[in-house]
């Protein structure tokens, strides 16, 4: 078990050390790829002019702002569940559209 800072409701918003399992994602790349895999599993492939594309790739290219916002929501949820560290989330930002 790793100690991670978390927002415990009993501490009235103060950061505290809570017990959490070891992180599922060990690198920013793993976190980014996990997000893309979820998008690709949840949505059908997209066909354009006879070519087939992964939903994650189309989403990233068509609306990079929405892609980034959804990634941040995904990462924050994992952080709240103790499945990823804040450091890994920051490292994953290099994979996001500019």
N, C-alpha and C. Protein backbone atom coordinates (compact mmCIF):
# COMPACT_ATOMS: atom_id res chain seq x y z
N UNK A 1 0.83 -1.18 0.00
CA UNK A 1 0.00 0.00 0.00
C UNK A 1 0.88 1.24 0.00
N UNK A 2 0.52 2.20 -0.83
CA UNK A 2 1.26 3.45 -0.90
C UNK A 2 0.48 4.55 -0.19
N UNK A 3 1.19 5.49 0.39
CA UNK A 3 0.56 6.65 1.00
C UNK A 3 0.46 7.73 -0.06
N UNK A 4 -0.75 8.24 -0.27
CA UNK A 4 -0.95 9.31 -1.25
C UNK A 4 -1.81 10.40 -0.63
N UNK A 5 -1.59 11.66 -1.06
CA UNK A 5 -2.47 12.72 -0.55
C UNK A 5 -3.85 12.54 -1.15
N UNK A 6 -4.87 12.80 -0.37
CA UNK A 6 -6.22 12.70 -0.90
C UNK A 6 -7.10 13.71 -0.20
N UNK A 7 -8.22 14.03 -0.80
CA UNK A 7 -9.18 14.94 -0.19
C UNK A 7 -10.15 14.14 0.66
N UNK A 8 -9.90 14.01 1.93
CA UNK A 8 -10.76 13.28 2.85
C UNK A 8 -11.85 14.22 3.35
N UNK A 9 -13.11 13.86 3.18
CA UNK A 9 -14.21 14.73 3.60
C UNK A 9 -14.17 15.03 5.09
N UNK A 10 -13.68 14.11 5.89
CA UNK A 10 -13.61 14.31 7.34
C UNK A 10 -12.59 15.36 7.73
N UNK A 11 -11.65 15.67 6.85
CA UNK A 11 -10.63 16.66 7.21
C UNK A 11 -11.00 18.05 6.70
N UNK A 12 -12.24 18.22 6.29
CA UNK A 12 -12.77 19.53 5.87
C UNK A 12 -11.92 20.17 4.77
N UNK A 13 -11.60 19.38 3.76
CA UNK A 13 -10.90 19.89 2.60
C UNK A 13 -9.38 19.94 2.71
N UNK A 14 -8.82 19.66 3.87
CA UNK A 14 -7.37 19.65 4.02
C UNK A 14 -6.80 18.38 3.41
N UNK A 15 -5.62 18.50 2.86
CA UNK A 15 -4.96 17.31 2.31
C UNK A 15 -4.48 16.43 3.46
N UNK A 16 -4.64 15.14 3.31
CA UNK A 16 -4.21 14.19 4.33
C UNK A 16 -3.55 13.00 3.66
N UNK A 17 -2.88 12.18 4.41
CA UNK A 17 -2.27 10.97 3.86
C UNK A 17 -3.24 9.82 4.05
N UNK A 18 -3.59 9.15 2.97
CA UNK A 18 -4.54 8.04 3.02
C UNK A 18 -3.88 6.79 2.45
N UNK A 19 -4.33 5.65 2.89
CA UNK A 19 -3.86 4.39 2.32
C UNK A 19 -4.48 4.21 0.94
N UNK A 20 -3.68 3.83 -0.01
CA UNK A 20 -4.18 3.57 -1.36
C UNK A 20 -3.37 2.42 -1.94
N UNK A 21 -3.98 1.65 -2.84
CA UNK A 21 -3.24 0.56 -3.47
C UNK A 21 -2.15 1.11 -4.38
N UNK A 22 -1.20 0.27 -4.76
CA UNK A 22 -0.18 0.70 -5.71
C UNK A 22 -0.87 1.16 -6.99
N UNK A 23 -0.26 2.13 -7.63
CA UNK A 23 -0.87 2.72 -8.82
C UNK A 23 -0.94 1.73 -9.97
N UNK A 24 -2.03 1.81 -10.72
CA UNK A 24 -2.20 0.96 -11.89
C UNK A 24 -1.31 1.48 -13.03
N UNK A 25 -1.31 2.79 -13.22
CA UNK A 25 -0.51 3.39 -14.28
C UNK A 25 0.83 3.84 -13.73
N UNK A 26 1.91 3.37 -14.34
CA UNK A 26 3.26 3.64 -13.86
C UNK A 26 3.96 4.74 -14.67
N UNK A 27 3.38 5.17 -15.78
CA UNK A 27 3.99 6.22 -16.59
C UNK A 27 2.91 7.06 -17.25
N UNK A 28 3.31 8.24 -17.70
CA UNK A 28 2.38 9.11 -18.41
C UNK A 28 1.90 8.48 -19.70
N UNK A 29 2.79 7.77 -20.36
CA UNK A 29 2.43 7.11 -21.62
C UNK A 29 1.37 6.03 -21.38
N UNK A 30 1.52 5.26 -20.31
CA UNK A 30 0.52 4.23 -19.98
C UNK A 30 -0.85 4.87 -19.70
N UNK A 31 -0.85 5.97 -18.99
CA UNK A 31 -2.11 6.66 -18.69
C UNK A 31 -2.77 7.16 -19.96
N UNK A 32 -2.00 7.81 -20.82
CA UNK A 32 -2.52 8.31 -22.09
C UNK A 32 -3.06 7.16 -22.95
N UNK A 33 -2.28 6.08 -23.07
CA UNK A 33 -2.70 4.93 -23.88
C UNK A 33 -3.95 4.27 -23.30
N UNK A 34 -4.05 4.23 -21.96
CA UNK A 34 -5.24 3.67 -21.33
C UNK A 34 -6.49 4.46 -21.68
N UNK A 35 -6.36 5.78 -21.70
CA UNK A 35 -7.48 6.65 -22.08
C UNK A 35 -7.89 6.39 -23.53
N UNK A 36 -6.92 6.32 -24.42
CA UNK A 36 -7.22 6.06 -25.83
C UNK A 36 -7.87 4.68 -26.02
N UNK A 37 -7.40 3.68 -25.27
CA UNK A 37 -7.98 2.34 -25.38
C UNK A 37 -9.45 2.33 -24.95
N UNK A 38 -9.76 3.09 -23.90
CA UNK A 38 -11.15 3.16 -23.45
C UNK A 38 -12.01 3.80 -24.53
N UNK A 39 -11.54 4.89 -25.12
CA UNK A 39 -12.29 5.53 -26.20
C UNK A 39 -12.51 4.56 -27.36
N UNK A 40 -11.46 3.83 -27.71
CA UNK A 40 -11.55 2.91 -28.84
C UNK A 40 -12.46 1.72 -28.56
N UNK A 41 -12.54 1.28 -27.30
CA UNK A 41 -13.44 0.16 -26.95
C UNK A 41 -14.89 0.61 -26.86
N UNK A 42 -15.11 1.85 -26.48
CA UNK A 42 -16.48 2.33 -26.23
C UNK A 42 -17.16 2.89 -27.47
N UNK A 43 -16.41 3.18 -28.50
CA UNK A 43 -16.98 3.79 -29.71
C UNK A 43 -16.55 3.00 -30.93
N UNK A 44 -17.42 2.92 -31.94
CA UNK A 44 -17.06 2.17 -33.15
C UNK A 44 -15.99 2.91 -33.96
N UNK A 45 -15.27 2.14 -34.78
CA UNK A 45 -14.29 2.76 -35.66
C UNK A 45 -15.01 3.68 -36.64
N UNK A 46 -14.31 4.68 -37.12
CA UNK A 46 -14.90 5.70 -37.98
C UNK A 46 -14.36 5.53 -39.39
N UNK A 47 -15.29 5.46 -40.34
CA UNK A 47 -14.89 5.29 -41.73
C UNK A 47 -15.08 6.62 -42.47
N UNK A 48 -14.02 7.05 -43.16
CA UNK A 48 -14.05 8.27 -43.95
C UNK A 48 -13.46 7.95 -45.31
N UNK A 49 -14.27 8.08 -46.35
CA UNK A 49 -13.81 7.85 -47.73
C UNK A 49 -13.12 6.50 -47.89
N UNK A 50 -13.66 5.48 -47.26
CA UNK A 50 -13.12 4.14 -47.39
C UNK A 50 -11.97 3.81 -46.45
N UNK A 51 -11.51 4.78 -45.68
CA UNK A 51 -10.44 4.54 -44.71
C UNK A 51 -11.04 4.45 -43.31
N UNK A 52 -10.50 3.57 -42.48
CA UNK A 52 -11.00 3.35 -41.13
C UNK A 52 -10.01 3.90 -40.11
N UNK A 53 -10.57 4.63 -39.13
CA UNK A 53 -9.74 5.26 -38.11
C UNK A 53 -10.24 4.92 -36.72
N UNK A 54 -9.31 4.92 -35.77
CA UNK A 54 -9.68 4.70 -34.37
C UNK A 54 -10.39 5.95 -33.84
N UNK A 55 -11.42 5.76 -33.02
CA UNK A 55 -12.14 6.91 -32.46
C UNK A 55 -11.24 7.87 -31.69
N UNK A 56 -10.28 7.33 -30.95
CA UNK A 56 -9.39 8.20 -30.17
C UNK A 56 -8.58 9.13 -31.08
N UNK A 57 -8.13 8.61 -32.21
CA UNK A 57 -7.34 9.42 -33.13
C UNK A 57 -8.19 10.52 -33.76
N UNK A 58 -9.41 10.16 -34.17
CA UNK A 58 -10.30 11.14 -34.79
C UNK A 58 -10.68 12.21 -33.77
N UNK A 59 -11.03 11.80 -32.56
CA UNK A 59 -11.40 12.74 -31.51
C UNK A 59 -10.26 13.72 -31.24
N UNK A 60 -9.05 13.20 -31.13
CA UNK A 60 -7.87 14.04 -30.85
C UNK A 60 -7.65 15.06 -31.97
N UNK A 61 -7.81 14.64 -33.21
CA UNK A 61 -7.53 15.53 -34.34
C UNK A 61 -8.68 16.50 -34.64
N UNK A 62 -9.92 16.04 -34.47
CA UNK A 62 -11.08 16.88 -34.80
C UNK A 62 -11.35 17.92 -33.73
N UNK A 63 -11.24 17.54 -32.46
CA UNK A 63 -11.52 18.48 -31.36
C UNK A 63 -10.50 18.29 -30.24
N UNK A 64 -9.30 18.84 -30.42
CA UNK A 64 -8.24 18.64 -29.43
C UNK A 64 -8.59 19.22 -28.05
N UNK A 65 -9.40 20.26 -28.01
CA UNK A 65 -9.77 20.85 -26.72
C UNK A 65 -10.68 19.89 -25.95
N UNK A 66 -11.69 19.35 -26.60
CA UNK A 66 -12.59 18.39 -25.94
C UNK A 66 -11.83 17.13 -25.56
N UNK A 67 -10.92 16.68 -26.42
CA UNK A 67 -10.11 15.50 -26.13
C UNK A 67 -9.32 15.72 -24.84
N UNK A 68 -8.67 16.88 -24.74
CA UNK A 68 -7.86 17.20 -23.56
C UNK A 68 -8.72 17.32 -22.31
N UNK A 69 -9.87 18.00 -22.42
CA UNK A 69 -10.78 18.15 -21.26
C UNK A 69 -11.26 16.79 -20.76
N UNK A 70 -11.62 15.91 -21.68
CA UNK A 70 -12.08 14.57 -21.29
C UNK A 70 -10.93 13.76 -20.68
N UNK A 71 -9.73 13.91 -21.22
CA UNK A 71 -8.57 13.22 -20.64
C UNK A 71 -8.35 13.69 -19.21
N UNK A 72 -8.43 14.98 -18.97
CA UNK A 72 -8.24 15.52 -17.62
C UNK A 72 -9.29 14.96 -16.67
N UNK A 73 -10.55 14.91 -17.11
CA UNK A 73 -11.61 14.32 -16.27
C UNK A 73 -11.30 12.87 -15.95
N UNK A 74 -10.87 12.12 -16.96
CA UNK A 74 -10.52 10.71 -16.79
C UNK A 74 -9.38 10.56 -15.77
N UNK A 75 -8.34 11.36 -15.94
CA UNK A 75 -7.18 11.29 -15.05
C UNK A 75 -7.54 11.69 -13.62
N UNK A 76 -8.36 12.72 -13.46
CA UNK A 76 -8.77 13.15 -12.12
C UNK A 76 -9.59 12.08 -11.42
N UNK A 77 -10.44 11.39 -12.16
CA UNK A 77 -11.22 10.30 -11.58
C UNK A 77 -10.30 9.18 -11.11
N UNK A 78 -9.30 8.84 -11.91
CA UNK A 78 -8.34 7.81 -11.51
C UNK A 78 -7.55 8.24 -10.29
N UNK A 79 -7.19 9.52 -10.22
CA UNK A 79 -6.47 10.05 -9.07
C UNK A 79 -7.31 9.91 -7.81
N UNK A 80 -8.60 10.24 -7.92
CA UNK A 80 -9.51 10.13 -6.76
C UNK A 80 -9.65 8.68 -6.30
N UNK A 81 -9.55 7.74 -7.24
CA UNK A 81 -9.65 6.32 -6.91
C UNK A 81 -8.31 5.76 -6.42
N UNK A 82 -7.27 6.57 -6.46
CA UNK A 82 -5.94 6.11 -6.04
C UNK A 82 -5.25 5.23 -7.05
N UNK A 83 -5.64 5.34 -8.33
CA UNK A 83 -5.06 4.48 -9.35
C UNK A 83 -3.94 5.14 -10.13
N UNK A 84 -3.72 6.43 -9.89
CA UNK A 84 -2.66 7.15 -10.59
C UNK A 84 -2.19 8.30 -9.71
N UNK A 85 -0.90 8.64 -9.82
CA UNK A 85 -0.36 9.75 -9.03
C UNK A 85 -0.48 11.05 -9.82
N UNK A 86 -0.42 12.14 -9.10
CA UNK A 86 -0.46 13.45 -9.74
C UNK A 86 0.75 13.64 -10.66
N UNK A 87 1.88 13.10 -10.26
CA UNK A 87 3.10 13.18 -11.07
C UNK A 87 2.90 12.51 -12.43
N UNK A 88 2.27 11.34 -12.44
CA UNK A 88 2.03 10.63 -13.70
C UNK A 88 1.07 11.42 -14.58
N UNK A 89 0.05 12.03 -13.98
CA UNK A 89 -0.88 12.85 -14.76
C UNK A 89 -0.12 13.99 -15.43
N UNK A 90 0.76 14.63 -14.69
CA UNK A 90 1.55 15.72 -15.28
C UNK A 90 2.45 15.22 -16.40
N UNK A 91 3.03 14.04 -16.23
CA UNK A 91 3.88 13.47 -17.27
C UNK A 91 3.08 13.12 -18.53
N UNK A 92 1.83 12.74 -18.35
CA UNK A 92 0.99 12.37 -19.49
C UNK A 92 0.65 13.59 -20.36
N UNK A 93 0.76 14.78 -19.80
CA UNK A 93 0.38 15.98 -20.55
C UNK A 93 1.21 16.17 -21.83
N UNK A 94 2.40 15.59 -21.90
CA UNK A 94 3.21 15.74 -23.11
C UNK A 94 2.59 15.03 -24.31
N UNK A 95 1.69 14.08 -24.05
CA UNK A 95 1.04 13.34 -25.13
C UNK A 95 -0.22 14.01 -25.64
N UNK A 96 -0.66 15.07 -24.96
CA UNK A 96 -1.90 15.75 -25.34
C UNK A 96 -1.66 16.71 -26.50
N UNK A 97 -2.72 17.00 -27.28
CA UNK A 97 -2.56 17.93 -28.40
C UNK A 97 -2.14 19.31 -27.89
N UNK A 98 -1.37 19.99 -28.68
CA UNK A 98 -0.92 21.36 -28.33
C UNK A 98 -1.84 22.39 -28.90
